Amino acid sequence: MSFFRRLFSSKASAAAGSTQPNSGAVIESPRVVSQVQYPPVDGGLPLASVEELMEGQADLIARVRINAAIPHKAFEDRYIVPIQNLASYILNLPATQDREYGGPGGLFRAALDLAFLSFQAADGRIFTGMLGVEDRHKLETRWRYICFAAGLLWPVGKTIESIRVQGNGSIWPARKQGLGFWSKEAQVSQVFLTWPRGTLEPGPSVNGSALAVNILGDKAIEWLEQGSPQMMTALIEVSAGIRKEFNSIAYDVIASMWKKALTLEQARMPSNYGRVKYGQHLAPYIIDALRSLLREGAWSINRSPLHVDSTGIYLQWPTAAQDILRQLASKGIAQTPESPEALMTMMADEDLIKIDQLGGAFNDITDADGVITSALKLLKPNIVIPDYDPREYAKASPAETSKVQTDSKAAKQGSTETKGAPVHAEQSAPTQSEVTASAPKASSDEVLAPPPPAADPLAATIGMSVDAPSIDQEEAAQPSNSEPGESQLVVTKAATQEEASKKANPPQQTYKDILPHAVIKSINDGLVSGQLVKLIDKLKTDAYKDRLLYSEKYIAVPWDSFDGITLNPASFLSKLGDAGYLHADPKARGKKMHELPVSPNSTVKDKYYLLARILTDKLGLTDK
């Protein structure tokens, strides 16, 4: 991170590298952006050293090492040397003027992102399916390496073609020598960039593939050609964007991963979170903290505090905040907030979380145990899960409580819902579906056992019962060793105890027992229906009776009545509005919060929402 400290400090230094690894001398230079003058004076881009670039991407390089799983010396020769050589050649140039990977070091990160994603995606692909076992053993590993090496070169070509780098009156000869070597030779510590051809999307070109020999190094090239002389040819062709039948699998892997890399970059670009500002963007640091928590195992999907379903990603709050704050502090981020409230405000300012029309950030969600809790919803799910696809979470338990729908038929019949299983109106014994639902769920990768055979539809015609035996049938089938009257006494005693228990602990009523069926059906949301029951009970208390404002078409309810009822009033009112239970003010349609006088002759105003009479009359909320 020392490069970024120099970028905004009073003294900036730069590194001059050569095309060889670990080369680069630090040269002192004046500050880049004046901190005392407005408009600010742009002093150019201070050049970073190879060591700083490698240090800045240490996490990603470590992931490459894990995926390679080869001895240390071989990894250094085949992977570290090409990465260092590329870093020396392009230093911390941006990949574009103002688009994807457009910041300092963007081109180097683009190359590493694509190299890693392609290398990872190549694992398990069969490149030499038509060859014998011995040839496949020798070439499969090399084809996978080609995906890494060609991916490393793929984004570089078009950027080199479209960028012009100047410093101290000289222009960098991009096709002749590396930026590190040139900057050292020309005594340049900071450069100015122009884009004569405009902004182009980074991608492959012949200019990029021409660097292959210098970037890969002798050891890597020698190892590739030990497999086949065609390996190096395939690498150069793919990195130039040339697709042939021989290299088609490797080309397709890299091309598809490049689309994925651009998608990920678009989600984390600072410009997505407001206009780029000097020294004020914290969104990239927060995004990095979120991803690190999941990648390092501190968080797991659908385990508190990270909840995922087909509607998006939710962070249980403030539990998630504590983890994020610790992660930011561990990275040495100077602007780390000190409280969950400050972090939430910062995330809202950076457009990372969803804010409703009334300025609310909290959503009521249900966790894996069905417990209602509060959470923040991320605007872009793929900032945490890069390959997030709603379809993959369609069968997961819904996190957002608005998705927990009421079963109208079950509500009408007064049946109870069984978590994780269909609702049945009449049941005399557990069905096979209920037994299956109560068992632990298998993961999508496991092979499920075949279901038991279905009941014979002709069984009843030959005198066989297809129904579960009743209690009377079971008792009749078992021999009785008790004296006459004993079983009757036991049954009578048990019934008496059950009746006494019911009187002492009457069953808790649910919204299905209280709300009219027409209201339940119109709202079509179990959570909102339950909250509505609590709200009406609260409004009937003496504390609120005198505060309600009665009109012919509506009853105005104080906004603070939501305290203890819901953390997301906007969502609650939206559901009531969709059902037609909110009064629509002709002068302000869609408005949910209204400032009204607290009494007819008062000049003091308070915040209210308007429940339509069609609802309040059905629920017994009448004039005082």
Foldseek 3Di string as FASTA:
>chain_A
DVQVVLQADQKHWAWFAFLFFPGTDIDIDGHQWDPPDPVIDGNFAFFHALVVLCVVCVVLVVLVCVLLPDDPVVCCQFPVQLLRSVCNQETQAALWCAAFSNDGNSLSVQLSQLLSQLLVVLVPDQQPVPDDPVLSVLCSSLLSSLLNLLSNLFQPQVSLVFKWKDFPHDTDPSLPTGRSNVCVVSVGRGIHMDGVPHTDGGGAALSSLVCSDSSRDDVNQVSSCVSPVCSNVLSSCLSRVHDDPSNPVSNVSSVVSSVLSSLLRNVQPQVVQPHDDPPPGCSNVLLVLLQCCDVVVVDDELDPQWDDALVAIWGFPPVNVVSSLVSSVVVVDPPRDDDSVVVVVSCVSRQQWDADPVRAFWAWFAGPVRDTGITTGTPDRCSHVSPDDNVVRHPPDGGGQQPQFDDLVCLVLVFDDDPQADTDSDDQDDDPRVVVSVDDDDDPPDDDDDDDDDDDPCQVVVPHDPDDDHPVVVVVVDDDPDDPPPVVVVVVVVVVVVVVVCVVPPDDDALSVQADSLVSVLLRGRLLSRLVVVLVVLCPDPVNLLQWDDDPWWIWGAPCSCVVRDSDVVVSVVSCVSSVFFDADPVDGPDAWDWDASDPPHPDTGITGITTPVPCVSNVNDRD
